[in-house]
Amino acid sequence: MKSLKLALTGLVLSSAPLMAEELIMSSWLPPKHPIVVNAFEPWAKEVEKVTEGRVSVRIMGKPLGSPPAHFDMARDGIADITYGLHSFTEDDRFKRARLGQFSFLGDDAIANSKAYWTIYGGKLDAASEHKGTHLLGLFMHGPGLLHNNKRKIEKPEDMAGLKLRVPGGYVGDLVSALKATPLFMSSPEVYEKLSRGVIDGVAFTYEAMTAFNLVDYIKYSMTVPGGIYNTTWFFVINEAKWNGLSEKDRAAIDAISGEAFAERVGRAWNDADVVAQKKVGDKVLFYKASPEVVAALREAAAKLEKAWADSLGNDYDGAAALAEFREMTGVGSE
């Protein structure tokens, strides 16, 4: 009887489902932001599906820290999963990540994000710049614009003196080269600063105009083919937490992350840009940069691209990586 009881106990235990591993994800974008609703939330649901309920992701309604702290939060285990902009981290740890921040890279967030995942995630070894985490995704948004409430920028000199919010990184150097004053701040800070007149304008996407309620404080929005700039994003999980998952579940999650997530988030961003343009309508003057302004942007951009490529030394060919990126997005050298 004792042996029978032990055998039955073993049978019950072996057939009982293991308790699901709940991963905590800190999210700092507004909960209704289109990237949260149409990329992160569907991905989280799919994680539970592909792991057959063994792993779930709980996206927090409020962030566990400031936007610039989010990479360190994942690395240090404060949160299991985080996302954010490389340029929010104001040190040199993500030097090669700048590949996707330059001007004239492409107008399609899907193509941009796939190229970024392929090149930065591949030959530029993104993993080594994200130590302490496992990369779930690398991505970019749609073409970056310059919005302001002072004047239409018709010649390079019109940039002089404008106080422009930038997300850090390349675009700060770009607007500085054109004699504007770059002021770094994270996205949630922009509304207050713009509405109070602390800044004159902002480097942002179409969708950010509506996502952060800026339309009433913007008069002019300048575009160039391929974007005036872009931002690069990481999507990571704490390395120890990742290694604690089963090999089967890691493989299942990887399959819906990486390039697959680049397509998912890129589509969400493309759709959000279209919706925002329709919503803004004629409340803001959208206009294409003049040939003179484009020429000035190209001249400044070329110098900054070369400086970045040179800073990588002999281990990585930044110029070749940029050329390959533009081939993948269909922009080419021009």
C-alpha atoms as a PDB file:
ATOM      1  CA  MET A   1       0.000   0.000   0.000  1.00  0.00           C
ATOM      2  CA  LYS A   2       2.838   2.389   0.874  1.00  0.00           C
ATOM      3  CA  SER A   3       4.497   1.759  -2.488  1.00  0.00           C
ATOM      4  CA  LEU A   4       1.172   2.250  -4.264  1.00  0.00           C
ATOM      5  CA  LYS A   5       0.610   5.592  -2.494  1.00  0.00           C
ATOM      6  CA  LEU A   6       4.087   6.789  -3.463  1.00  0.00           C
ATOM      7  CA  ALA A   7       3.530   5.762  -7.056  1.00  0.00           C
ATOM      8  CA  LEU A   8       0.182   7.566  -7.207  1.00  0.00           C
ATOM      9  CA  THR A   9       1.691  10.681  -5.641  1.00  0.00           C
ATOM     10  CA  GLY A  10       4.458  10.657  -8.228  1.00  0.00           C
ATOM     11  CA  LEU A  11       1.931  10.255 -11.021  1.00  0.00           C
ATOM     12  CA  VAL A  12      -0.129  13.218  -9.777  1.00  0.00           C
ATOM     13  CA  LEU A  13       2.928  15.439  -9.435  1.00  0.00           C
ATOM     14  CA  SER A  14       4.233  14.537 -12.872  1.00  0.00           C
ATOM     15  CA  SER A  15       0.902  15.358 -14.491  1.00  0.00           C
ATOM     16  CA  ALA A  16       0.380  18.665 -12.638  1.00  0.00           C
ATOM     17  CA  PRO A  17       1.222  21.731 -14.737  1.00  0.00           C
ATOM     18  CA  LEU A  18       4.235  23.732 -13.646  1.00  0.00           C
ATOM     19  CA  MET A  19       3.512  27.188 -12.299  1.00  0.00           C
ATOM     20  CA  ALA A  20       3.788  29.806 -15.040  1.00  0.00           C
ATOM     21  CA  GLU A  21       6.780  32.130 -14.997  1.00  0.00           C
ATOM     22  CA  GLU A  22       5.468  35.701 -14.913  1.00  0.00           C
ATOM     23  CA  LEU A  23       7.823  38.279 -16.414  1.00  0.00           C
ATOM     24  CA  ILE A  24       7.396  41.887 -15.325  1.00  0.00           C
ATOM     25  CA  MET A  25       7.750  44.461 -18.088  1.00  0.00           C
ATOM     26  CA  SER A  26       8.203  48.141 -17.258  1.00  0.00           C
ATOM     27  CA  SER A  27       6.614  50.462 -19.827  1.00  0.00           C
ATOM     28  CA  TRP A  28       7.086  54.245 -19.839  1.00  0.00           C
ATOM     29  CA  LEU A  29       5.109  55.215 -22.941  1.00  0.00           C
ATOM     30  CA  PRO A  30       1.472  56.189 -22.313  1.00  0.00           C
ATOM     31  CA  PRO A  31      -0.606  52.990 -21.892  1.00  0.00           C
ATOM     32  CA  LYS A  32      -2.683  53.879 -24.961  1.00  0.00           C
ATOM     33  CA  HIS A  33       0.352  54.691 -27.117  1.00  0.00           C
ATOM     34  CA  PRO A  34      -0.017  52.835 -30.436  1.00  0.00           C
ATOM     35  CA  ILE A  35       3.280  51.000 -29.962  1.00  0.00           C
ATOM     36  CA  VAL A  36       2.169  49.688 -26.584  1.00  0.00           C
ATOM     37  CA  VAL A  37      -1.286  48.721 -27.842  1.00  0.00           C
ATOM     38  CA  ASN A  38      -0.280  47.341 -31.260  1.00  0.00           C
ATOM     39  CA  ALA A  39       3.182  45.905 -30.656  1.00  0.00           C
ATOM     40  CA  PHE A  40       4.113  45.226 -27.033  1.00  0.00           C
ATOM     41  CA  GLU A  41       0.719  44.006 -25.827  1.00  0.00           C
ATOM     42  CA  PRO A  42       0.156  41.609 -28.777  1.00  0.00           C
ATOM     43  CA  TRP A  43       3.719  40.303 -28.343  1.00  0.00           C
ATOM     44  CA  ALA A  44       3.093  39.683 -24.640  1.00  0.00           C
ATOM     45  CA  LYS A  45      -0.090  37.736 -25.431  1.00  0.00           C
ATOM     46  CA  GLU A  46       1.750  35.704 -28.031  1.00  0.00           C
ATOM     47  CA  VAL A  47       4.498  34.811 -25.538  1.00  0.00           C
ATOM     48  CA  GLU A  48       1.914  33.073 -23.386  1.00  0.00           C
ATOM     49  CA  LYS A  49       0.478  31.320 -26.445  1.00  0.00           C
ATOM     50  CA  VAL A  50       3.745  30.023 -27.907  1.00  0.00           C
ATOM     51  CA  THR A  51       4.967  28.810 -24.506  1.00  0.00           C
ATOM     52  CA  GLU A  52       1.626  27.065 -23.886  1.00  0.00           C
ATOM     53  CA  GLY A  53       1.053  29.126 -20.761  1.00  0.00           C
ATOM     54  CA  ARG A  54       4.399  28.386 -19.160  1.00  0.00           C
ATOM     55  CA  VAL A  55       5.554  32.018 -19.529  1.00  0.00           C
ATOM     56  CA  SER A  56       3.443  35.149 -19.220  1.00  0.00           C
ATOM     57  CA  VAL A  57       4.318  38.836 -19.469  1.00  0.00           C
ATOM     58  CA  ARG A  58       2.706  41.479 -17.267  1.00  0.00           C
ATOM     59  CA  ILE A  59       3.097  44.989 -18.668  1.00  0.00           C
ATOM     60  CA  MET A  60       3.027  47.486 -15.833  1.00  0.00           C
ATOM     61  CA  GLY A  61       0.596  50.396 -16.079  1.00  0.00           C
ATOM     62  CA  LYS A  62       3.249  52.718 -14.655  1.00  0.00           C
ATOM     63  CA  PRO A  63       7.005  52.576 -15.257  1.00  0.00           C
ATOM     64  CA  LEU A  64       9.319  51.333 -12.531  1.00  0.00           C
ATOM     65  CA  GLY A  65      11.786  54.155 -13.241  1.00  0.00           C
ATOM     66  CA  SER A  66      12.519  57.079 -15.553  1.00  0.00           C
ATOM     67  CA  PRO A  67      12.735  56.421 -19.317  1.00  0.00           C
ATOM     68  CA  PRO A  68      16.553  56.868 -19.424  1.00  0.00           C
ATOM     69  CA  ALA A  69      16.958  54.289 -16.618  1.00  0.00           C
ATOM     70  CA  HIS A  70      15.214  51.473 -18.432  1.00  0.00           C
ATOM     71  CA  PHE A  71      18.195  49.634 -19.872  1.00  0.00           C
ATOM     72  CA  ASP A  72      19.952  49.534 -16.506  1.00  0.00           C
ATOM     73  CA  MET A  73      16.700  48.382 -14.912  1.00  0.00           C
ATOM     74  CA  ALA A  74      16.631  45.279 -17.107  1.00  0.00           C
ATOM     75  CA  ARG A  75      20.342  44.621 -16.735  1.00  0.00           C
ATOM     76  CA  ASP A  76      20.152  44.928 -12.943  1.00  0.00           C
ATOM     77  CA  GLY A  77      16.934  42.940 -12.569  1.00  0.00           C
ATOM     78  CA  ILE A  78      14.744  45.779 -11.318  1.00  0.00           C
ATOM     79  CA  ALA A  79      12.381  44.804 -14.126  1.00  0.00           C
ATOM     80  CA  ASP A  80      12.516  41.608 -16.156  1.00  0.00           C
ATOM     81  CA  ILE A  81      11.784  43.262 -19.525  1.00  0.00           C
ATOM     82  CA  THR A  82      12.231  46.858 -20.665  1.00  0.00           C
ATOM     83  CA  TYR A  83      12.472  48.950 -23.810  1.00  0.00           C
ATOM     84  CA  GLY A  84      13.821  52.390 -24.586  1.00  0.00           C
ATOM     85  CA  LEU A  85      15.899  54.651 -26.781  1.00  0.00           C
ATOM     86  CA  HIS A  86      19.636  54.087 -26.991  1.00  0.00           C
ATOM     87  CA  SER A  87      20.135  57.848 -27.059  1.00  0.00           C
ATOM     88  CA  PHE A  88      18.406  58.277 -23.689  1.00  0.00           C
ATOM     89  CA  THR A  89      21.457  56.657 -22.116  1.00  0.00           C
ATOM     90  CA  GLU A  90      23.889  59.546 -22.199  1.00  0.00           C
ATOM     91  CA  ASP A  91      27.149  57.633 -22.197  1.00  0.00           C
ATOM     92  CA  ASP A  92      29.132  55.795 -24.864  1.00  0.00           C
ATOM     93  CA  ARG A  93      27.914  52.259 -24.260  1.00  0.00           C
ATOM     94  CA  PHE A  94      25.703  52.184 -27.392  1.00  0.00           C
ATOM     95  CA  LYS A  95      28.143  53.746 -29.852  1.00  0.00           C
ATOM     96  CA  ARG A  96      27.401  51.335 -32.701  1.00  0.00           C
ATOM     97  CA  ALA A  97      23.655  51.731 -32.129  1.00  0.00           C
ATOM     98  CA  ARG A  98      23.880  55.155 -33.776  1.00  0.00           C
ATOM     99  CA  LEU A  99      23.790  53.375 -37.153  1.00  0.00           C
ATOM    100  CA  GLY A 100      20.007  53.862 -37.236  1.00  0.00           C
ATOM    101  CA  GLN A 101      19.857  57.473 -36.057  1.00  0.00           C
ATOM    102  CA  PHE A 102      21.195  59.252 -39.153  1.00  0.00           C
ATOM    103  CA  SER A 103      19.357  61.299 -41.773  1.00  0.00           C
ATOM    104  CA  PHE A 104      18.001  59.932 -45.070  1.00  0.00           C
ATOM    105  CA  LEU A 105      17.651  56.304 -43.896  1.00  0.00           C
ATOM    106  CA  GLY A 106      14.141  55.499 -45.098  1.00  0.00           C
ATOM    107  CA  ASP A 107      10.462  56.355 -44.714  1.00  0.00           C
ATOM    108  CA  ASP A 108       9.141  52.879 -43.876  1.00  0.00           C
ATOM    109  CA  ALA A 109       9.420  51.824 -40.222  1.00  0.00           C
ATOM    110  CA  ILE A 110       9.165  48.133 -41.160  1.00  0.00           C
ATOM    111  CA  ALA A 111      12.076  48.293 -43.614  1.00  0.00           C
ATOM    112  CA  ASN A 112      14.066  50.490 -41.230  1.00  0.00           C
ATOM    113  CA  SER A 113      13.547  48.177 -38.275  1.00  0.00           C
ATOM    114  CA  LYS A 114      14.336  45.006 -40.215  1.00  0.00           C
ATOM    115  CA  ALA A 115      17.520  46.523 -41.606  1.00  0.00           C
ATOM    116  CA  TYR A 116      18.489  47.711 -38.144  1.00  0.00           C
ATOM    117  CA  TRP A 117      17.958  44.285 -36.602  1.00  0.00           C
ATOM    118  CA  THR A 118      19.917  42.621 -39.407  1.00  0.00           C
ATOM    119  CA  ILE A 119      22.926  44.939 -39.499  1.00  0.00           C
ATOM    120  CA  TYR A 120      23.305  46.286 -35.974  1.00  0.00           C
ATOM    121  CA  GLY A 121      22.179  42.950 -34.566  1.00  0.00           C
ATOM    122  CA  GLY A 122      24.589  41.147 -36.906  1.00  0.00           C
ATOM    123  CA  LYS A 123      27.920  42.488 -38.106  1.00  0.00           C
ATOM    124  CA  LEU A 124      27.902  45.414 -35.640  1.00  0.00           C
ATOM    125  CA  ASP A 125      27.401  42.966 -32.738  1.00  0.00           C
ATOM    126  CA  ALA A 126      24.589  44.676 -30.857  1.00  0.00           C
ATOM    127  CA  ALA A 127      24.600  41.911 -28.237  1.00  0.00           C
ATOM    128  CA  SER A 128      27.957  43.030 -26.880  1.00  0.00           C
ATOM    129  CA  GLU A 129      26.613  46.556 -26.341  1.00  0.00           C
ATOM    130  CA  HIS A 130      23.688  45.151 -24.334  1.00  0.00           C
ATOM    131  CA  LYS A 131      25.589  42.984 -21.851  1.00  0.00           C
ATOM    132  CA  GLY A 132      23.572  41.687 -18.954  1.00  0.00           C
ATOM    133  CA  THR A 133      20.477  41.302 -21.114  1.00  0.00           C
ATOM    134  CA  HIS A 134      19.173  39.192 -23.961  1.00  0.00           C
ATOM    135  CA  LEU A 135      17.992  41.116 -27.018  1.00  0.00           C
ATOM    136  CA  LEU A 136      14.343  40.627 -27.833  1.00  0.00           C
ATOM    137  CA  GLY A 137      14.254  43.382 -30.424  1.00  0.00           C
ATOM    138  CA  LEU A 138      15.926  46.346 -32.081  1.00  0.00           C
ATOM    139  CA  PHE A 139      13.815  48.802 -34.005  1.00  0.00           C
ATOM    140  CA  MET A 140      13.262  52.314 -35.351  1.00  0.00           C
ATOM    141  CA  HIS A 141      10.262  54.554 -35.932  1.00  0.00           C
ATOM    142  CA  GLY A 142       9.081  56.236 -39.125  1.00  0.00           C
ATOM    143  CA  PRO A 143      10.805  59.298 -40.595  1.00  0.00           C
ATOM    144  CA  GLY A 144      11.715  61.942 -38.030  1.00  0.00           C
ATOM    145  CA  LEU A 145      10.508  65.530 -38.586  1.00  0.00           C
ATOM    146  CA  LEU A 146      11.390  68.918 -37.130  1.00  0.00           C
ATOM    147  CA  HIS A 147       8.349  70.655 -35.641  1.00  0.00           C
ATOM    148  CA  ASN A 148       8.357  74.218 -34.327  1.00  0.00           C
ATOM    149  CA  ASN A 149       6.040  77.102 -33.500  1.00  0.00           C
ATOM    150  CA  LYS A 150       8.279  80.023 -34.544  1.00  0.00           C
ATOM    151  CA  ARG A 151       8.808  79.952 -38.285  1.00  0.00           C
ATOM    152  CA  LYS A 152       8.908  77.959 -41.480  1.00  0.00           C
ATOM    153  CA  ILE A 153      12.483  76.890 -42.137  1.00  0.00           C
ATOM    154  CA  GLU A 154      13.131  77.934 -45.727  1.00  0.00           C
ATOM    155  CA  LYS A 155      16.909  78.371 -45.613  1.00  0.00           C
ATOM    156  CA  PRO A 156      19.603  76.955 -43.299  1.00  0.00           C
ATOM    157  CA  GLU A 157      19.928  80.280 -41.480  1.00  0.00           C
ATOM    158  CA  ASP A 158      16.331  79.930 -40.265  1.00  0.00           C
ATOM    159  CA  MET A 159      17.488  77.175 -37.904  1.00  0.00           C
ATOM    160  CA  ALA A 160      19.670  79.578 -35.949  1.00  0.00           C
ATOM    161  CA  GLY A 161      18.566  80.208 -32.399  1.00  0.00           C
ATOM    162  CA  LEU A 162      15.663  77.743 -32.312  1.00  0.00           C
ATOM    163  CA  LYS A 163      15.490  75.824 -29.028  1.00  0.00           C
ATOM    164  CA  LEU A 164      14.658  72.268 -30.105  1.00  0.00           C
ATOM    165  CA  ARG A 165      13.971  69.238 -27.983  1.00  0.00           C
ATOM    166  CA  VAL A 166      16.029  66.260 -29.115  1.00  0.00           C
ATOM    167  CA  PRO A 167      16.075  62.643 -27.885  1.00  0.00           C
ATOM    168  CA  GLY A 168      19.862  62.728 -27.590  1.00  0.00           C
ATOM    169  CA  GLY A 169      22.266  61.081 -29.993  1.00  0.00           C
ATOM    170  CA  TYR A 170      22.818  62.101 -33.601  1.00  0.00           C
ATOM    171  CA  VAL A 171      19.983  64.588 -34.061  1.00  0.00           C
ATOM    172  CA  GLY A 172      21.339  66.728 -31.235  1.00  0.00           C
ATOM    173  CA  ASP A 173      24.635  67.033 -33.083  1.00  0.00           C
ATOM    174  CA  LEU A 174      22.807  67.690 -36.356  1.00  0.00           C
ATOM    175  CA  VAL A 175      20.672  70.610 -35.190  1.00  0.00           C
ATOM    176  CA  SER A 176      23.659  72.038 -33.316  1.00  0.00           C
ATOM    177  CA  ALA A 177      25.661  71.995 -36.566  1.00  0.00           C
ATOM    178  CA  LEU A 178      22.865  74.079 -38.113  1.00  0.00           C
ATOM    179  CA  LYS A 179      23.084  76.640 -35.273  1.00  0.00           C
ATOM    180  CA  ALA A 180      19.952  75.587 -33.396  1.00  0.00           C
ATOM    181  CA  THR A 181      20.096  74.837 -29.663  1.00  0.00           C
ATOM    182  CA  PRO A 182      19.426  71.174 -28.830  1.00  0.00           C
ATOM    183  CA  LEU A 183      17.818  70.439 -25.462  1.00  0.00           C
ATOM    184  CA  PHE A 184      17.667  66.805 -24.356  1.00  0.00           C
ATOM    185  CA  MET A 185      14.533  65.518 -22.708  1.00  0.00           C
ATOM    186  CA  SER A 186      12.544  62.291 -22.756  1.00  0.00           C
ATOM    187  CA  SER A 187       9.264  62.115 -24.659  1.00  0.00           C
ATOM    188  CA  PRO A 188       6.867  62.491 -21.688  1.00  0.00           C
ATOM    189  CA  GLU A 189       8.544  65.796 -20.730  1.00  0.00           C
ATOM    190  CA  VAL A 190       7.910  67.514 -24.070  1.00  0.00           C
ATOM    191  CA  TYR A 191       4.306  68.646 -23.575  1.00  0.00           C
ATOM    192  CA  GLU A 192       5.090  70.709 -20.496  1.00  0.00           C
ATOM    193  CA  LYS A 193       8.218  72.287 -21.972  1.00  0.00           C
ATOM    194  CA  LEU A 194       6.587  73.101 -25.316  1.00  0.00           C
ATOM    195  CA  SER A 195       3.351  74.443 -23.826  1.00  0.00           C
ATOM    196  CA  ARG A 196       5.293  76.679 -21.430  1.00  0.00           C
ATOM    197  CA  GLY A 197       7.585  78.037 -24.152  1.00  0.00           C
ATOM    198  CA  VAL A 198      10.753  76.534 -22.705  1.00  0.00           C
ATOM    199  CA  ILE A 199      11.394  75.055 -26.148  1.00  0.00           C
ATOM    200  CA  ASP A 200      10.407  76.324 -29.613  1.00  0.00           C
ATOM    201  CA  GLY A 201      10.084  72.958 -31.246  1.00  0.00           C
ATOM    202  CA  VAL A 202      10.845  69.288 -31.171  1.00  0.00           C
ATOM    203  CA  ALA A 203      12.404  66.489 -33.189  1.00  0.00           C
ATOM    204  CA  PHE A 204       9.587  63.941 -33.315  1.00  0.00           C
ATOM    205  CA  THR A 205       7.564  61.637 -35.559  1.00  0.00           C
ATOM    206  CA  TYR A 206       4.089  62.251 -36.934  1.00  0.00           C
ATOM    207  CA  GLU A 207       2.487  59.984 -34.340  1.00  0.00           C
ATOM    208  CA  ALA A 208       4.173  61.732 -31.414  1.00  0.00           C
ATOM    209  CA  MET A 209       2.287  64.923 -32.281  1.00  0.00           C
ATOM    210  CA  THR A 210      -0.965  63.278 -31.240  1.00  0.00           C
ATOM    211  CA  ALA A 211       0.379  60.712 -28.768  1.00  0.00           C
ATOM    212  CA  PHE A 212       1.793  63.496 -26.603  1.00  0.00           C
ATOM    213  CA  ASN A 213      -0.913  66.122 -27.348  1.00  0.00           C
ATOM    214  CA  LEU A 214       1.387  68.646 -29.038  1.00  0.00           C
ATOM    215  CA  VAL A 215      -0.742  69.798 -31.971  1.00  0.00           C
ATOM    216  CA  ASP A 216      -1.905  73.042 -30.335  1.00  0.00           C
ATOM    217  CA  TYR A 217       1.703  74.083 -29.772  1.00  0.00           C
ATOM    218  CA  ILE A 218       3.133  73.333 -33.227  1.00  0.00           C
ATOM    219  CA  LYS A 219       2.692  75.486 -36.345  1.00  0.00           C
ATOM    220  CA  TYR A 220       5.300  74.150 -38.818  1.00  0.00           C
ATOM    221  CA  SER A 221       6.551  70.614 -39.525  1.00  0.00           C
ATOM    222  CA  MET A 222       9.443  70.044 -41.937  1.00  0.00           C
ATOM    223  CA  THR A 223      10.080  66.777 -43.741  1.00  0.00           C
ATOM    224  CA  VAL A 224      12.821  65.370 -45.969  1.00  0.00           C
ATOM    225  CA  PRO A 225      12.754  62.101 -47.943  1.00  0.00           C
ATOM    226  CA  GLY A 226      14.131  59.340 -45.745  1.00  0.00           C
ATOM    227  CA  GLY A 227      13.703  61.344 -42.549  1.00  0.00           C
ATOM    228  CA  ILE A 228      15.636  64.205 -40.988  1.00  0.00           C
ATOM    229  CA  TYR A 229      16.712  61.752 -38.301  1.00  0.00           C
ATOM    230  CA  ASN A 230      15.557  58.589 -36.581  1.00  0.00           C
ATOM    231  CA  THR A 231      15.740  57.010 -33.136  1.00  0.00           C
ATOM    232  CA  THR A 232      16.945  53.539 -32.262  1.00  0.00           C
ATOM    233  CA  TRP A 233      15.274  51.363 -29.671  1.00  0.00           C
ATOM    234  CA  PHE A 234      16.205  48.299 -27.625  1.00  0.00           C
ATOM    235  CA  PHE A 235      13.786  45.668 -26.300  1.00  0.00           C
ATOM    236  CA  VAL A 236      15.524  43.469 -23.742  1.00  0.00           C
ATOM    237  CA  ILE A 237      15.081  40.913 -20.970  1.00  0.00           C
ATOM    238  CA  ASN A 238      17.346  40.409 -17.971  1.00  0.00           C
ATOM    239  CA  GLU A 239      19.957  37.813 -18.895  1.00  0.00           C
ATOM    240  CA  ALA A 240      19.606  35.709 -15.725  1.00  0.00           C
ATOM    241  CA  LYS A 241      15.827  35.687 -16.045  1.00  0.00           C
ATOM    242  CA  TRP A 242      16.151  34.645 -19.697  1.00  0.00           C
ATOM    243  CA  ASN A 243      18.591  31.850 -18.890  1.00  0.00           C
ATOM    244  CA  GLY A 244      16.193  30.605 -16.219  1.00  0.00           C
ATOM    245  CA  LEU A 245      13.575  29.797 -18.859  1.00  0.00           C
ATOM    246  CA  SER A 246      13.609  26.413 -20.529  1.00  0.00           C
ATOM    247  CA  GLU A 247      15.420  26.020 -23.820  1.00  0.00           C
ATOM    248  CA  LYS A 248      12.093  25.216 -25.475  1.00  0.00           C
ATOM    249  CA  ASP A 249      10.475  28.404 -24.208  1.00  0.00           C
ATOM    250  CA  ARG A 250      13.484  30.549 -25.107  1.00  0.00           C
ATOM    251  CA  ALA A 251      13.331  29.224 -28.665  1.00  0.00           C
ATOM    252  CA  ALA A 252       9.594  29.887 -28.868  1.00  0.00           C
ATOM    253  CA  ILE A 253       9.970  33.474 -27.615  1.00  0.00           C
ATOM    254  CA  ASP A 254      12.925  34.176 -29.907  1.00  0.00           C
ATOM    255  CA  ALA A 255      10.839  33.053 -32.865  1.00  0.00           C
ATOM    256  CA  ILE A 256       8.300  35.850 -32.283  1.00  0.00           C
ATOM    257  CA  SER A 257      10.944  38.423 -31.376  1.00  0.00           C
ATOM    258  CA  GLY A 258      13.919  39.761 -33.346  1.00  0.00           C
ATOM    259  CA  GLU A 259      13.015  40.264 -36.998  1.00  0.00           C
ATOM    260  CA  ALA A 260       9.415  39.221 -36.407  1.00  0.00           C
ATOM    261  CA  PHE A 261       9.044  41.892 -33.753  1.00  0.00           C
ATOM    262  CA  ALA A 262      10.781  44.431 -36.017  1.00  0.00           C
ATOM    263  CA  GLU A 263       8.019  43.858 -38.552  1.00  0.00           C
ATOM    264  CA  ARG A 264       5.290  44.001 -35.909  1.00  0.00           C
ATOM    265  CA  VAL A 265       6.473  47.241 -34.306  1.00  0.00           C
ATOM    266  CA  GLY A 266       7.332  48.792 -37.673  1.00  0.00           C
ATOM    267  CA  ARG A 267       3.815  48.184 -38.921  1.00  0.00           C
ATOM    268  CA  ALA A 268       2.381  49.653 -35.725  1.00  0.00           C
ATOM    269  CA  TRP A 269       4.480  52.771 -36.219  1.00  0.00           C
ATOM    270  CA  ASN A 270       3.604  53.130 -39.896  1.00  0.00           C
ATOM    271  CA  ASP A 271      -0.101  52.842 -39.101  1.00  0.00           C
ATOM    272  CA  ALA A 272       0.193  55.312 -36.215  1.00  0.00           C
ATOM    273  CA  ASP A 273       1.900  57.872 -38.471  1.00  0.00           C
ATOM    274  CA  VAL A 274      -0.924  57.627 -41.028  1.00  0.00           C
ATOM    275  CA  VAL A 275      -3.593  58.012 -38.350  1.00  0.00           C
ATOM    276  CA  ALA A 276      -1.781  60.987 -36.823  1.00  0.00           C
ATOM    277  CA  GLN A 277      -1.457  62.805 -40.163  1.00  0.00           C
ATOM    278  CA  LYS A 278      -5.189  62.437 -40.753  1.00  0.00           C
ATOM    279  CA  LYS A 279      -5.997  63.581 -37.233  1.00  0.00           C
ATOM    280  CA  VAL A 280      -3.727  66.636 -37.432  1.00  0.00           C
ATOM    281  CA  GLY A 281      -5.056  67.588 -40.868  1.00  0.00           C
ATOM    282  CA  ASP A 282      -4.434  71.247 -41.659  1.00  0.00           C
ATOM    283  CA  LYS A 283      -3.907  72.321 -38.040  1.00  0.00           C
ATOM    284  CA  VAL A 284      -0.167  72.243 -38.735  1.00  0.00           C
ATOM    285  CA  LEU A 285       1.651  73.285 -41.896  1.00  0.00           C
ATOM    286  CA  PHE A 286       3.542  70.247 -43.200  1.00  0.00           C
ATOM    287  CA  TYR A 287       6.094  71.151 -45.844  1.00  0.00           C
ATOM    288  CA  LYS A 288       9.066  69.626 -47.633  1.00  0.00           C
ATOM    289  CA  ALA A 289      12.480  71.072 -46.855  1.00  0.00           C
ATOM    290  CA  SER A 290      13.821  73.334 -49.587  1.00  0.00           C
ATOM    291  CA  PRO A 291      16.751  72.099 -51.746  1.00  0.00           C
ATOM    292  CA  GLU A 292      18.948  74.604 -49.906  1.00  0.00           C
ATOM    293  CA  VAL A 293      18.009  73.196 -46.508  1.00  0.00           C
ATOM    294  CA  VAL A 294      18.366  69.605 -47.737  1.00  0.00           C
ATOM    295  CA  ALA A 295      21.857  70.411 -49.034  1.00  0.00           C
ATOM    296  CA  ALA A 296      22.836  71.858 -45.655  1.00  0.00           C
ATOM    297  CA  LEU A 297      21.449  68.794 -43.894  1.00  0.00           C
ATOM    298  CA  ARG A 298      23.382  66.478 -46.218  1.00  0.00           C
ATOM    299  CA  GLU A 299      26.613  68.360 -45.652  1.00  0.00           C
ATOM    300  CA  ALA A 300      26.259  68.256 -41.864  1.00  0.00           C
ATOM    301  CA  ALA A 301      25.073  64.631 -41.942  1.00  0.00           C
ATOM    302  CA  ALA A 302      28.034  63.479 -44.037  1.00  0.00           C
ATOM    303  CA  LYS A 303      30.499  64.932 -41.528  1.00  0.00           C
ATOM    304  CA  LEU A 304      28.701  63.320 -38.593  1.00  0.00           C
ATOM    305  CA  GLU A 305      28.461  59.951 -40.356  1.00  0.00           C
ATOM    306  CA  LYS A 306      32.193  59.998 -41.077  1.00  0.00           C
ATOM    307  CA  ALA A 307      33.051  60.968 -37.499  1.00  0.00           C
ATOM    308  CA  TRP A 308      30.920  58.075 -36.237  1.00  0.00           C
ATOM    309  CA  ALA A 309      32.447  55.565 -38.660  1.00  0.00           C
ATOM    310  CA  ASP A 310      35.957  56.711 -37.735  1.00  0.00           C
ATOM    311  CA  SER A 311      35.158  56.358 -34.018  1.00  0.00           C
ATOM    312  CA  LEU A 312      34.514  52.631 -34.463  1.00  0.00           C
ATOM    313  CA  GLY A 313      38.162  51.991 -35.339  1.00  0.00           C
ATOM    314  CA  ASN A 314      39.233  48.970 -37.347  1.00  0.00           C
ATOM    315  CA  ASP A 315      36.933  46.444 -35.717  1.00  0.00           C
ATOM    316  CA  TYR A 316      33.734  47.629 -37.404  1.00  0.00           C
ATOM    317  CA  ASP A 317      33.136  49.220 -40.814  1.00  0.00           C
ATOM    318  CA  GLY A 318      30.528  51.880 -40.105  1.00  0.00           C
ATOM    319  CA  ALA A 319      30.545  53.313 -43.631  1.00  0.00           C
ATOM    320  CA  ALA A 320      29.855  49.888 -45.146  1.00  0.00           C
ATOM    321  CA  ALA A 321      27.137  49.238 -42.575  1.00  0.00           C
ATOM    322  CA  LEU A 322      25.402  52.510 -43.459  1.00  0.00           C
ATOM    323  CA  ALA A 323      25.635  51.789 -47.182  1.00  0.00           C
ATOM    324  CA  GLU A 324      24.156  48.324 -46.650  1.00  0.00           C
ATOM    325  CA  PHE A 325      21.400  49.782 -44.498  1.00  0.00           C
ATOM    326  CA  ARG A 326      20.363  52.227 -47.192  1.00  0.00           C
ATOM    327  CA  GLU A 327      20.423  49.495 -49.814  1.00  0.00           C
ATOM    328  CA  MET A 328      18.094  47.402 -47.642  1.00  0.00           C
ATOM    329  CA  THR A 329      15.638  50.273 -47.184  1.00  0.00           C
ATOM    330  CA  GLY A 330      15.812  51.311 -50.840  1.00  0.00           C
ATOM    331  CA  VAL A 331      17.298  54.740 -50.211  1.00  0.00           C
ATOM    332  CA  GLY A 332      20.735  54.089 -51.703  1.00  0.00           C
ATOM    333  CA  SER A 333      23.597  56.534 -51.288  1.00  0.00           C
ATOM    334  CA  GLU A 334      21.375  59.516 -52.047  1.00  0.00           C
END
